[in-house]
């Protein structure tokens, strides 16, 4: 079976989860809630856990969380049409249980070019995206499993990049 528009995320043990996307097996289904686990030791792929809802690369942005878990920010088109929150939905992968569950929804849509950046305190910052571009940013609290407004950027953005910025504690070079 072939997949397109899937989302992949590295796991702490060196493996990876390949999630959602479109399959050649179901051409009339826009995307899937299935996943597959890649094992680098045996170089095999096996069935993985079911997602809380579908995922698709054009609409879903992954972001690392502490403890080996991660967020999938935004659903696939299948879920966007059926969930109350549509394209604002978020799900989390719990590395301890190996399962996905739905977490708080974004206040705004950030798909179509938004970024999701893991921050040093374990939270995630989502910024920009959408058509036309938006300036909004939201921050995910993994303890409360909810999003809060993080203020607006000076300029609306989509298709941009984002990186965590850390400050050094040693002497300047």
C-alpha atoms as a PDB file:
ATOM      1  CA  UNK A   1       0.000   0.000   0.000  1.00  0.00           C
ATOM      2  CA  UNK A   2       1.303   3.472  -0.865  1.00  0.00           C
ATOM      3  CA  UNK A   3       0.884   6.620   1.256  1.00  0.00           C
ATOM      4  CA  UNK A   4       1.030  10.310   0.404  1.00  0.00           C
ATOM      5  CA  UNK A   5       0.551  13.423   2.563  1.00  0.00           C
ATOM      6  CA  UNK A   6       1.451  11.491   5.735  1.00  0.00           C
ATOM      7  CA  UNK A   7       3.111  13.003   8.821  1.00  0.00           C
ATOM      8  CA  UNK A   8       6.187  11.412  10.425  1.00  0.00           C
ATOM      9  CA  UNK A   9       7.773  11.936  13.819  1.00  0.00           C
ATOM     10  CA  UNK A  10      10.920  10.463  15.377  1.00  0.00           C
ATOM     11  CA  UNK A  11      10.544   8.458  18.585  1.00  0.00           C
ATOM     12  CA  UNK A  12      12.930   8.518  21.549  1.00  0.00           C
ATOM     13  CA  UNK A  13      14.018   4.907  20.904  1.00  0.00           C
ATOM     14  CA  UNK A  14      15.269   5.784  17.414  1.00  0.00           C
ATOM     15  CA  UNK A  15      12.153   4.539  15.639  1.00  0.00           C
ATOM     16  CA  UNK A  16       9.490   6.653  13.991  1.00  0.00           C
ATOM     17  CA  UNK A  17       5.736   6.880  13.629  1.00  0.00           C
ATOM     18  CA  UNK A  18       4.303   7.455  10.164  1.00  0.00           C
ATOM     19  CA  UNK A  19       0.801   8.838  10.625  1.00  0.00           C
ATOM     20  CA  UNK A  20      -2.311   9.611   8.642  1.00  0.00           C
ATOM     21  CA  UNK A  21      -2.058  10.612   5.023  1.00  0.00           C
ATOM     22  CA  UNK A  22      -3.825   9.269   1.968  1.00  0.00           C
ATOM     23  CA  UNK A  23      -3.625   5.603   0.999  1.00  0.00           C
ATOM     24  CA  UNK A  24      -3.733   3.846  -2.347  1.00  0.00           C
ATOM     25  CA  UNK A  25      -6.031   1.312  -0.681  1.00  0.00           C
ATOM     26  CA  UNK A  26      -8.792   3.890  -0.112  1.00  0.00           C
ATOM     27  CA  UNK A  27      -8.614   6.471  -2.931  1.00  0.00           C
ATOM     28  CA  UNK A  28     -12.065   7.854  -2.055  1.00  0.00           C
ATOM     29  CA  UNK A  29     -11.110   8.535   1.568  1.00  0.00           C
ATOM     30  CA  UNK A  30      -9.205  11.822   1.834  1.00  0.00           C
ATOM     31  CA  UNK A  31      -7.040  10.746   4.792  1.00  0.00           C
ATOM     32  CA  UNK A  32      -6.703   8.159   7.538  1.00  0.00           C
ATOM     33  CA  UNK A  33      -6.383   7.880  11.323  1.00  0.00           C
ATOM     34  CA  UNK A  34      -3.972   4.957  11.105  1.00  0.00           C
ATOM     35  CA  UNK A  35      -0.263   4.914  11.882  1.00  0.00           C
ATOM     36  CA  UNK A  36       2.738   2.674  11.305  1.00  0.00           C
ATOM     37  CA  UNK A  37       5.829   2.251  13.439  1.00  0.00           C
ATOM     38  CA  UNK A  38       9.268   1.997  11.834  1.00  0.00           C
ATOM     39  CA  UNK A  39      11.816  -0.090  13.776  1.00  0.00           C
ATOM     40  CA  UNK A  40      15.378   0.870  12.725  1.00  0.00           C
ATOM     41  CA  UNK A  41      16.951  -2.265  14.263  1.00  0.00           C
ATOM     42  CA  UNK A  42      14.914  -4.728  12.203  1.00  0.00           C
ATOM     43  CA  UNK A  43      14.208  -2.224   9.409  1.00  0.00           C
ATOM     44  CA  UNK A  44      10.544  -3.211   9.466  1.00  0.00           C
ATOM     45  CA  UNK A  45       7.263  -1.337   9.557  1.00  0.00           C
ATOM     46  CA  UNK A  46       4.369  -2.583  11.687  1.00  0.00           C
ATOM     47  CA  UNK A  47       0.911  -1.242  12.573  1.00  0.00           C
ATOM     48  CA  UNK A  48       0.994   1.592  15.105  1.00  0.00           C
ATOM     49  CA  UNK A  49      -1.615   3.162  17.380  1.00  0.00           C
ATOM     50  CA  UNK A  50      -4.786   4.756  16.027  1.00  0.00           C
ATOM     51  CA  UNK A  51      -4.771   8.544  15.968  1.00  0.00           C
ATOM     52  CA  UNK A  52      -7.488  10.432  17.872  1.00  0.00           C
ATOM     53  CA  UNK A  53      -8.533  11.737  14.428  1.00  0.00           C
ATOM     54  CA  UNK A  54      -7.114  11.854  10.901  1.00  0.00           C
ATOM     55  CA  UNK A  55      -3.935  13.698   9.936  1.00  0.00           C
ATOM     56  CA  UNK A  56      -2.648  15.053   6.636  1.00  0.00           C
ATOM     57  CA  UNK A  57       0.663  16.832   5.951  1.00  0.00           C
ATOM     58  CA  UNK A  58      -0.946  19.906   4.350  1.00  0.00           C
ATOM     59  CA  UNK A  59      -3.034  20.591   7.473  1.00  0.00           C
ATOM     60  CA  UNK A  60      -1.123  18.932  10.348  1.00  0.00           C
ATOM     61  CA  UNK A  61       2.082  20.230  11.963  1.00  0.00           C
ATOM     62  CA  UNK A  62       3.994  18.049  14.458  1.00  0.00           C
ATOM     63  CA  UNK A  63       5.854  19.434  17.496  1.00  0.00           C
ATOM     64  CA  UNK A  64       7.906  17.591  20.126  1.00  0.00           C
ATOM     65  CA  UNK A  65       6.810  17.472  23.759  1.00  0.00           C
ATOM     66  CA  UNK A  66       8.845  16.383  26.769  1.00  0.00           C
ATOM     67  CA  UNK A  67       9.126  12.707  27.672  1.00  0.00           C
ATOM     68  CA  UNK A  68       9.231  11.575  24.054  1.00  0.00           C
ATOM     69  CA  UNK A  69       5.667  12.633  23.270  1.00  0.00           C
ATOM     70  CA  UNK A  70       4.527  15.076  20.598  1.00  0.00           C
ATOM     71  CA  UNK A  71       1.594  17.128  19.352  1.00  0.00           C
ATOM     72  CA  UNK A  72      -0.125  16.945  15.993  1.00  0.00           C
ATOM     73  CA  UNK A  73      -1.471  20.462  15.496  1.00  0.00           C
ATOM     74  CA  UNK A  74      -4.409  20.422  13.095  1.00  0.00           C
ATOM     75  CA  UNK A  75      -6.276  17.434  11.674  1.00  0.00           C
ATOM     76  CA  UNK A  76      -6.654  15.904   8.256  1.00  0.00           C
ATOM     77  CA  UNK A  77      -9.393  17.112   5.922  1.00  0.00           C
ATOM     78  CA  UNK A  78     -11.619  14.163   6.903  1.00  0.00           C
ATOM     79  CA  UNK A  79     -11.579  15.212  10.564  1.00  0.00           C
ATOM     80  CA  UNK A  80     -11.783  18.925   9.796  1.00  0.00           C
ATOM     81  CA  UNK A  81     -15.160  18.359   8.185  1.00  0.00           C
ATOM     82  CA  UNK A  82     -16.540  16.330  11.105  1.00  0.00           C
ATOM     83  CA  UNK A  83     -15.050  17.784  14.298  1.00  0.00           C
ATOM     84  CA  UNK A  84     -16.768  20.698  16.045  1.00  0.00           C
ATOM     85  CA  UNK A  85     -13.509  22.648  16.048  1.00  0.00           C
ATOM     86  CA  UNK A  86     -12.612  21.696  12.479  1.00  0.00           C
ATOM     87  CA  UNK A  87      -9.106  22.791  11.537  1.00  0.00           C
ATOM     88  CA  UNK A  88      -8.280  23.998  15.073  1.00  0.00           C
ATOM     89  CA  UNK A  89      -8.166  20.496  16.614  1.00  0.00           C
ATOM     90  CA  UNK A  90      -5.029  19.139  18.302  1.00  0.00           C
ATOM     91  CA  UNK A  91      -4.014  15.665  19.455  1.00  0.00           C
ATOM     92  CA  UNK A  92      -1.110  14.444  21.561  1.00  0.00           C
ATOM     93  CA  UNK A  93       0.943  11.244  21.492  1.00  0.00           C
ATOM     94  CA  UNK A  94       1.777   9.938  24.966  1.00  0.00           C
ATOM     95  CA  UNK A  95       5.081   8.043  24.705  1.00  0.00           C
ATOM     96  CA  UNK A  96       4.458   6.252  28.015  1.00  0.00           C
ATOM     97  CA  UNK A  97       1.172   4.670  26.932  1.00  0.00           C
ATOM     98  CA  UNK A  98       1.888   4.664  23.201  1.00  0.00           C
ATOM     99  CA  UNK A  99      -1.509   6.220  22.475  1.00  0.00           C
ATOM    100  CA  UNK A 100      -3.004   9.380  20.981  1.00  0.00           C
ATOM    101  CA  UNK A 101      -5.653  11.515  22.663  1.00  0.00           C
ATOM    102  CA  UNK A 102      -7.400  14.750  21.812  1.00  0.00           C
ATOM    103  CA  UNK A 103      -6.247  17.855  23.675  1.00  0.00           C
ATOM    104  CA  UNK A 104      -7.373  21.489  23.715  1.00  0.00           C
ATOM    105  CA  UNK A 105      -8.297  23.201  20.472  1.00  0.00           C
ATOM    106  CA  UNK A 106      -6.573  26.276  19.063  1.00  0.00           C
ATOM    107  CA  UNK A 107      -8.547  29.533  19.091  1.00  0.00           C
ATOM    108  CA  UNK A 108      -7.626  30.187  15.413  1.00  0.00           C
ATOM    109  CA  UNK A 109      -6.628  28.179  12.357  1.00  0.00           C
ATOM    110  CA  UNK A 110      -2.858  28.073  11.820  1.00  0.00           C
ATOM    111  CA  UNK A 111      -2.724  25.588   8.929  1.00  0.00           C
ATOM    112  CA  UNK A 112      -1.444  26.495   5.475  1.00  0.00           C
ATOM    113  CA  UNK A 113       2.009  27.587   6.532  1.00  0.00           C
ATOM    114  CA  UNK A 114       1.922  28.069  10.310  1.00  0.00           C
ATOM    115  CA  UNK A 115       4.758  26.806  12.500  1.00  0.00           C
ATOM    116  CA  UNK A 116       4.737  24.734  15.694  1.00  0.00           C
ATOM    117  CA  UNK A 117       7.904  25.111  17.788  1.00  0.00           C
ATOM    118  CA  UNK A 118       8.815  23.135  20.914  1.00  0.00           C
ATOM    119  CA  UNK A 119      10.079  25.450  23.660  1.00  0.00           C
ATOM    120  CA  UNK A 120      12.572  24.718  26.432  1.00  0.00           C
ATOM    121  CA  UNK A 121       9.926  24.725  29.157  1.00  0.00           C
ATOM    122  CA  UNK A 122       8.003  21.890  27.463  1.00  0.00           C
ATOM    123  CA  UNK A 123       5.354  24.107  25.904  1.00  0.00           C
ATOM    124  CA  UNK A 124       4.753  24.613  22.174  1.00  0.00           C
ATOM    125  CA  UNK A 125       4.351  27.908  20.307  1.00  0.00           C
ATOM    126  CA  UNK A 126       2.201  27.978  17.166  1.00  0.00           C
ATOM    127  CA  UNK A 127       2.515  31.110  15.036  1.00  0.00           C
ATOM    128  CA  UNK A 128       1.147  32.470  11.789  1.00  0.00           C
ATOM    129  CA  UNK A 129      -0.264  30.452   8.928  1.00  0.00           C
ATOM    130  CA  UNK A 130      -3.647  30.456   7.184  1.00  0.00           C
ATOM    131  CA  UNK A 131      -4.683  32.168   3.953  1.00  0.00           C
ATOM    132  CA  UNK A 132      -4.356  35.127   4.037  1.00  0.00           C
ATOM    133  CA  UNK A 133      -1.504  35.104   6.569  1.00  0.00           C
ATOM    134  CA  UNK A 134      -2.265  35.837  10.224  1.00  0.00           C
ATOM    135  CA  UNK A 135      -0.134  37.423  12.941  1.00  0.00           C
ATOM    136  CA  UNK A 136      -1.571  35.437  15.863  1.00  0.00           C
ATOM    137  CA  UNK A 137       0.474  33.127  18.087  1.00  0.00           C
ATOM    138  CA  UNK A 138      -0.780  30.585  20.632  1.00  0.00           C
ATOM    139  CA  UNK A 139       1.064  28.645  23.322  1.00  0.00           C
ATOM    140  CA  UNK A 140       0.268  25.060  24.373  1.00  0.00           C
ATOM    141  CA  UNK A 141       0.610  24.096  28.034  1.00  0.00           C
ATOM    142  CA  UNK A 142       1.243  20.314  28.217  1.00  0.00           C
ATOM    143  CA  UNK A 143       0.263  20.125  31.898  1.00  0.00           C
ATOM    144  CA  UNK A 144      -3.137  21.775  31.394  1.00  0.00           C
ATOM    145  CA  UNK A 145      -3.466  20.393  27.830  1.00  0.00           C
ATOM    146  CA  UNK A 146      -4.784  23.708  26.573  1.00  0.00           C
ATOM    147  CA  UNK A 147      -3.886  26.623  24.323  1.00  0.00           C
ATOM    148  CA  UNK A 148      -3.711  30.292  25.337  1.00  0.00           C
ATOM    149  CA  UNK A 149      -3.135  33.408  23.264  1.00  0.00           C
ATOM    150  CA  UNK A 150       0.542  34.390  23.131  1.00  0.00           C
ATOM    151  CA  UNK A 151       0.098  37.776  21.495  1.00  0.00           C
ATOM    152  CA  UNK A 152       0.442  38.838  17.907  1.00  0.00           C
ATOM    153  CA  UNK A 153       3.556  39.100  15.786  1.00  0.00           C
ATOM    154  CA  UNK A 154       4.262  42.540  14.311  1.00  0.00           C
ATOM    155  CA  UNK A 155       3.786  41.110  10.808  1.00  0.00           C
ATOM    156  CA  UNK A 156       1.383  38.415   9.601  1.00  0.00           C
ATOM    157  CA  UNK A 157       3.255  35.340   8.349  1.00  0.00           C
ATOM    158  CA  UNK A 158       2.746  32.029   6.562  1.00  0.00           C
ATOM    159  CA  UNK A 159       5.305  29.680   5.078  1.00  0.00           C
ATOM    160  CA  UNK A 160       7.925  30.992   7.508  1.00  0.00           C
ATOM    161  CA  UNK A 161      10.334  29.047   9.720  1.00  0.00           C
ATOM    162  CA  UNK A 162      10.663  29.140  13.489  1.00  0.00           C
ATOM    163  CA  UNK A 163      13.332  27.913  15.894  1.00  0.00           C
ATOM    164  CA  UNK A 164      13.666  27.894  19.644  1.00  0.00           C
ATOM    165  CA  UNK A 165      16.115  30.545  20.781  1.00  0.00           C
ATOM    166  CA  UNK A 166      18.160  29.741  23.859  1.00  0.00           C
ATOM    167  CA  UNK A 167      20.441  31.997  25.807  1.00  0.00           C
ATOM    168  CA  UNK A 168      23.890  30.816  26.773  1.00  0.00           C
ATOM    169  CA  UNK A 169      25.207  31.014  30.306  1.00  0.00           C
ATOM    170  CA  UNK A 170      28.899  30.840  29.476  1.00  0.00           C
ATOM    171  CA  UNK A 171      31.281  33.632  28.462  1.00  0.00           C
ATOM    172  CA  UNK A 172      30.896  35.224  25.047  1.00  0.00           C
ATOM    173  CA  UNK A 173      33.380  33.967  22.406  1.00  0.00           C
END
